[in-house]
Amino acid sequence: MKPLDTILFDLDGTLLAMSQETFTGVYFALLSKRVASMGHDPDSFIKALWKGTMAMIKNDGKMTNRDRFWEVFAGLVDANTPELEKNLEDFYATDFNLVKSALGERPSIRPLLSGLRAKGYGVTLATNPVFPYVAAVSRLGWIGLETADFDYITTYENSSYCKPGLDYYRDILTRLGKEPSQCLMIGNNPDDDMSPSEMGMSVFLLTDYLENSRDLPYDAYPQGGFKEMAEMLEGLPPVRIS
């Protein structure tokens, strides 16, 4: 069994100090305004978006999440698909950034990431891949980070599974060339983010913005707020180079 050398971070509610409910509310309000200006009925558009998202959550690996989303979504929205995809990507690069105003106060995560790097740890952004890459760029920018701060980022373009499925985590391990024992997953959802413990991965449940819609028990997981998470990461020993 190889020792820990890689940290996986969730994004929404973990690196981003914001509840899923707040995020979704602000996001959909902004998106509704944009799609209305494009001539779409916002309610119908959002319903189609949800159905496309659920198709990604249930994806079986036969196609990317991006292809699965558009297979479902395009059949429900009367629009030119390439043009609509271009307009949505523009939204995620521009209007979407107004969601930043709903973030809570929290110390910068950058010193923690720098400290992990200095000790030899790899860092992956393991956010549920239901958004395009451009949305990840924007969301990281809200907290002063860049995609270059991570070795790998899961997006709907490069992923064919979603959380909480173990295939999502197996795919990350394959791409990183890691074993479960080498990784620590940090997230705020007992279902989505703690599931890899079933395959031998270490986990830490961040409780500041806990999301637990299924009311799952979580006492057994190592857990705490941002302060406890920071102390845990700062206390990790340097990676030993074999």
Protein backbone atom coordinates (compact mmCIF):
# COMPACT_ATOMS: atom_id res chain seq x y z
CA MET A 1 0.00 0.00 0.00
CA LYS A 2 1.54 3.28 -1.12
CA PRO A 3 1.54 6.31 1.23
CA LEU A 4 -0.56 9.45 0.79
CA ASP A 5 0.78 11.89 -1.80
CA THR A 6 -2.29 13.38 -3.53
CA ILE A 7 -5.09 15.65 -2.26
CA LEU A 8 -8.45 15.83 -4.04
CA PHE A 9 -10.65 18.86 -3.39
CA ASP A 10 -14.33 19.35 -4.09
CA LEU A 11 -15.21 22.90 -5.20
CA ASP A 12 -18.74 24.11 -4.35
CA GLY A 13 -19.17 24.29 -0.58
CA THR A 14 -15.57 23.21 -0.07
CA LEU A 15 -13.11 25.58 -1.72
CA LEU A 16 -16.02 27.92 -2.44
CA ALA A 17 -17.63 29.17 0.78
CA MET A 18 -21.22 28.84 -0.39
CA SER A 19 -24.11 26.44 0.10
CA GLN A 20 -25.46 24.58 -2.90
CA GLU A 21 -28.85 26.22 -2.37
CA THR A 22 -27.37 29.72 -2.50
CA PHE A 23 -25.19 28.85 -5.49
CA THR A 24 -28.06 27.35 -7.47
CA GLY A 25 -30.41 30.24 -6.68
CA VAL A 26 -28.03 32.96 -7.87
CA TYR A 27 -26.79 30.90 -10.82
CA PHE A 28 -30.27 30.15 -12.15
CA ALA A 29 -31.41 33.75 -11.73
CA LEU A 30 -28.49 34.93 -13.86
CA LEU A 31 -28.95 32.15 -16.40
CA SER A 32 -32.67 32.84 -16.69
CA LYS A 33 -31.95 36.47 -17.51
CA ARG A 34 -29.44 35.47 -20.19
CA VAL A 35 -31.63 32.84 -21.88
CA ALA A 36 -34.62 35.20 -21.88
CA SER A 37 -32.51 37.67 -23.85
CA MET A 38 -31.81 34.84 -26.29
CA GLY A 39 -35.53 34.28 -26.86
CA HIS A 40 -35.98 31.17 -24.68
CA ASP A 41 -38.56 30.61 -21.97
CA PRO A 42 -36.45 30.51 -18.78
CA ASP A 43 -38.62 27.95 -16.95
CA SER A 44 -38.57 25.47 -19.83
CA PHE A 45 -34.86 26.07 -20.35
CA ILE A 46 -33.99 25.40 -16.69
CA LYS A 47 -36.12 22.24 -16.66
CA ALA A 48 -34.27 20.99 -19.74
CA LEU A 49 -30.97 21.89 -18.10
CA TRP A 50 -31.88 19.81 -15.03
CA LYS A 51 -32.78 16.82 -17.21
CA GLY A 52 -29.46 17.13 -19.02
CA THR A 53 -27.66 17.34 -15.68
CA MET A 54 -29.42 14.24 -14.36
CA ALA A 55 -28.38 12.39 -17.52
CA MET A 56 -24.77 13.25 -16.68
CA ILE A 57 -25.18 12.10 -13.07
CA LYS A 58 -26.39 8.73 -14.40
CA ASN A 59 -23.81 8.51 -17.18
CA ASP A 60 -22.44 5.01 -17.70
CA GLY A 61 -19.08 5.83 -19.27
CA LYS A 62 -20.07 5.19 -22.89
CA MET A 63 -19.68 8.87 -23.79
CA THR A 64 -18.39 12.03 -22.14
CA ASN A 65 -20.65 13.96 -19.82
CA ARG A 66 -20.62 16.77 -22.36
CA ASP A 67 -21.96 14.51 -25.10
CA ARG A 68 -24.51 12.95 -22.75
CA PHE A 69 -25.73 16.38 -21.66
CA TRP A 70 -26.19 17.70 -25.17
CA GLU A 71 -27.81 14.47 -26.34
CA VAL A 72 -30.60 15.06 -23.82
CA PHE A 73 -30.64 18.85 -23.55
CA ALA A 74 -30.61 19.58 -27.29
CA GLY A 75 -33.66 17.37 -27.75
CA LEU A 76 -35.61 19.51 -25.29
CA VAL A 77 -34.56 22.99 -26.42
CA ASP A 78 -35.47 24.36 -29.82
CA ALA A 79 -32.16 25.93 -30.85
CA ASN A 80 -29.09 25.52 -32.99
CA THR A 81 -26.87 23.35 -30.77
CA PRO A 82 -23.42 24.74 -31.72
CA GLU A 83 -24.68 28.32 -31.38
CA LEU A 84 -26.39 27.58 -28.06
CA GLU A 85 -23.27 25.89 -26.68
CA LYS A 86 -21.21 28.91 -27.70
CA ASN A 87 -23.69 31.25 -25.98
CA LEU A 88 -23.65 29.17 -22.78
CA GLU A 89 -19.86 29.13 -22.70
CA ASP A 90 -19.92 32.92 -23.05
CA PHE A 91 -22.35 33.05 -20.12
CA TYR A 92 -19.98 31.00 -17.93
CA ALA A 93 -17.11 33.31 -18.86
CA THR A 94 -19.03 36.53 -18.15
CA ASP A 95 -22.41 36.83 -16.36
CA PHE A 96 -21.75 33.71 -14.28
CA ASN A 97 -19.00 35.56 -12.41
CA LEU A 98 -21.64 37.63 -10.60
CA VAL A 99 -22.26 34.55 -8.44
CA LYS A 100 -19.05 35.51 -6.64
CA SER A 101 -21.01 38.18 -4.73
CA ALA A 102 -22.79 35.42 -2.77
CA LEU A 103 -19.59 33.84 -1.42
CA GLY A 104 -19.05 33.77 2.32
CA GLU A 105 -15.94 35.05 4.06
CA ARG A 106 -13.06 32.63 4.41
CA PRO A 107 -9.24 32.72 4.54
CA SER A 108 -7.49 32.25 1.21
CA ILE A 109 -6.94 28.62 0.20
CA ARG A 110 -3.80 29.53 -1.78
CA PRO A 111 -1.34 29.26 1.16
CA LEU A 112 -2.63 25.76 1.88
CA LEU A 113 -2.20 24.69 -1.73
CA SER A 114 1.28 26.23 -1.85
CA GLY A 115 2.19 24.43 1.36
CA LEU A 116 1.03 21.11 -0.04
CA ARG A 117 3.00 21.66 -3.22
CA ALA A 118 6.11 22.55 -1.23
CA LYS A 119 5.82 19.24 0.62
CA GLY A 120 5.51 17.29 -2.62
CA TYR A 121 1.77 16.63 -2.76
CA GLY A 122 -0.21 16.55 -5.97
CA VAL A 123 -3.47 18.52 -6.00
CA THR A 124 -6.59 17.66 -8.01
CA LEU A 125 -9.86 19.57 -8.32
CA ALA A 126 -12.46 16.80 -8.01
CA THR A 127 -15.58 18.86 -8.65
CA ASN A 128 -18.62 17.02 -9.96
CA PRO A 129 -18.10 17.26 -13.74
CA VAL A 130 -21.43 18.71 -14.81
CA PHE A 131 -19.98 22.06 -15.94
CA PRO A 132 -17.70 22.93 -18.86
CA TYR A 133 -14.06 23.83 -18.35
CA VAL A 134 -14.78 27.55 -18.76
CA ALA A 135 -17.07 27.42 -15.71
CA ALA A 136 -14.26 25.90 -13.64
CA VAL A 137 -11.97 28.73 -14.73
CA SER A 138 -14.53 31.28 -13.58
CA ARG A 139 -15.32 29.60 -10.26
CA LEU A 140 -11.66 29.25 -9.34
CA GLY A 141 -11.14 32.89 -10.20
CA TRP A 142 -13.67 33.86 -7.53
CA ILE A 143 -11.17 32.73 -4.89
CA GLY A 144 -8.00 33.87 -6.61
CA LEU A 145 -7.03 30.51 -8.07
CA GLU A 146 -6.24 29.32 -11.59
CA THR A 147 -6.55 25.98 -13.32
CA ALA A 148 -2.73 25.84 -13.28
CA ASP A 149 -2.94 25.47 -9.49
CA PHE A 150 -4.15 21.89 -10.01
CA ASP A 151 -2.63 18.84 -11.65
CA TYR A 152 -6.00 17.71 -12.94
CA ILE A 153 -9.54 19.12 -12.99
CA THR A 154 -12.66 17.10 -13.74
CA THR A 155 -15.01 18.83 -16.19
CA TYR A 156 -17.86 17.64 -18.36
CA GLU A 157 -15.52 17.53 -21.36
CA ASN A 158 -13.02 15.05 -19.87
CA SER A 159 -15.29 12.92 -17.66
CA SER A 160 -17.76 10.13 -18.38
CA TYR A 161 -19.00 9.56 -14.83
CA CYS A 162 -20.19 11.68 -11.89
CA LYS A 163 -20.21 11.59 -8.12
CA PRO A 164 -21.05 9.70 -6.02
CA GLY A 165 -20.28 6.78 -8.34
CA LEU A 166 -16.99 5.03 -7.62
CA ASP A 167 -16.27 4.91 -11.36
CA TYR A 168 -15.81 8.68 -11.18
CA TYR A 169 -13.04 8.22 -8.61
CA ARG A 170 -11.57 5.20 -10.39
CA ASP A 171 -11.24 7.32 -13.52
CA ILE A 172 -9.33 9.99 -11.57
CA LEU A 173 -7.01 7.35 -10.11
CA THR A 174 -6.35 5.93 -13.56
CA ARG A 175 -5.57 9.34 -15.04
CA LEU A 176 -3.26 10.23 -12.15
CA GLY A 177 -1.67 6.80 -12.00
CA LYS A 178 -2.52 6.52 -8.29
CA GLU A 179 -3.84 3.92 -5.88
CA PRO A 180 -6.67 4.74 -3.43
CA SER A 181 -4.21 4.70 -0.50
CA GLN A 182 -2.29 7.59 -2.11
CA CYS A 183 -5.28 9.94 -2.14
CA LEU A 184 -7.25 12.05 0.33
CA MET A 185 -10.64 13.36 -0.79
CA ILE A 186 -11.91 16.55 0.88
CA GLY A 187 -15.52 17.60 0.37
CA ASN A 188 -18.71 18.78 2.06
CA ASN A 189 -21.13 16.05 0.99
CA PRO A 190 -21.28 12.65 2.77
CA ASP A 191 -22.78 11.07 -0.34
CA ASP A 192 -20.79 12.62 -3.19
CA ASP A 193 -17.44 13.15 -1.49
CA MET A 194 -17.12 10.41 1.13
CA SER A 195 -18.04 7.51 -1.18
CA PRO A 196 -14.40 6.79 -2.20
CA SER A 197 -13.73 5.66 1.38
CA GLU A 198 -15.41 2.44 0.23
CA MET A 199 -12.43 1.78 -2.05
CA GLY A 200 -9.77 2.58 0.54
CA MET A 201 -9.30 6.30 -0.08
CA SER A 202 -8.84 8.62 2.90
CA VAL A 203 -11.53 11.30 3.30
CA PHE A 204 -12.22 14.47 5.24
CA LEU A 205 -15.72 15.95 5.53
CA LEU A 206 -15.73 19.75 5.57
CA THR A 207 -18.74 20.76 7.65
CA ASP A 208 -18.93 24.56 7.21
CA TYR A 209 -21.33 24.21 4.26
CA LEU A 210 -22.46 20.64 4.79
CA GLU A 211 -24.72 19.24 2.07
CA ASN A 212 -26.61 16.09 3.07
CA SER A 213 -29.91 15.91 1.19
CA ARG A 214 -30.25 12.17 1.88
CA ASP A 215 -29.64 12.66 5.60
CA LEU A 216 -26.84 10.10 5.61
CA PRO A 217 -24.94 9.32 8.82
CA TYR A 218 -21.48 10.88 8.78
CA ASP A 219 -20.10 10.66 12.30
CA ALA A 220 -17.59 7.99 11.24
CA TYR A 221 -15.73 10.32 8.86
CA PRO A 222 -12.83 12.56 9.89
CA GLN A 223 -14.41 16.02 9.80
CA GLY A 224 -14.36 19.64 10.85
CA GLY A 225 -14.57 23.21 9.63
CA PHE A 226 -12.09 25.12 7.49
CA LYS A 227 -9.79 25.67 10.47
CA GLU A 228 -9.62 21.96 11.26
CA MET A 229 -9.09 21.12 7.60
CA ALA A 230 -6.23 23.60 7.36
CA GLU A 231 -4.61 22.22 10.51
CA MET A 232 -4.91 18.68 9.15
CA LEU A 233 -3.30 19.60 5.83
CA GLU A 234 -0.57 21.66 7.46
CA GLY A 235 0.24 18.69 9.68
CA LEU A 236 0.81 16.30 6.79
CA PRO A 237 4.43 15.14 6.53
CA PRO A 238 6.51 15.80 3.39
CA VAL A 239 6.09 13.24 0.66
CA ARG A 240 8.92 10.73 0.68
CA ILE A 241 10.51 10.30 -2.73
CA SER A 242 11.25 6.62 -3.31
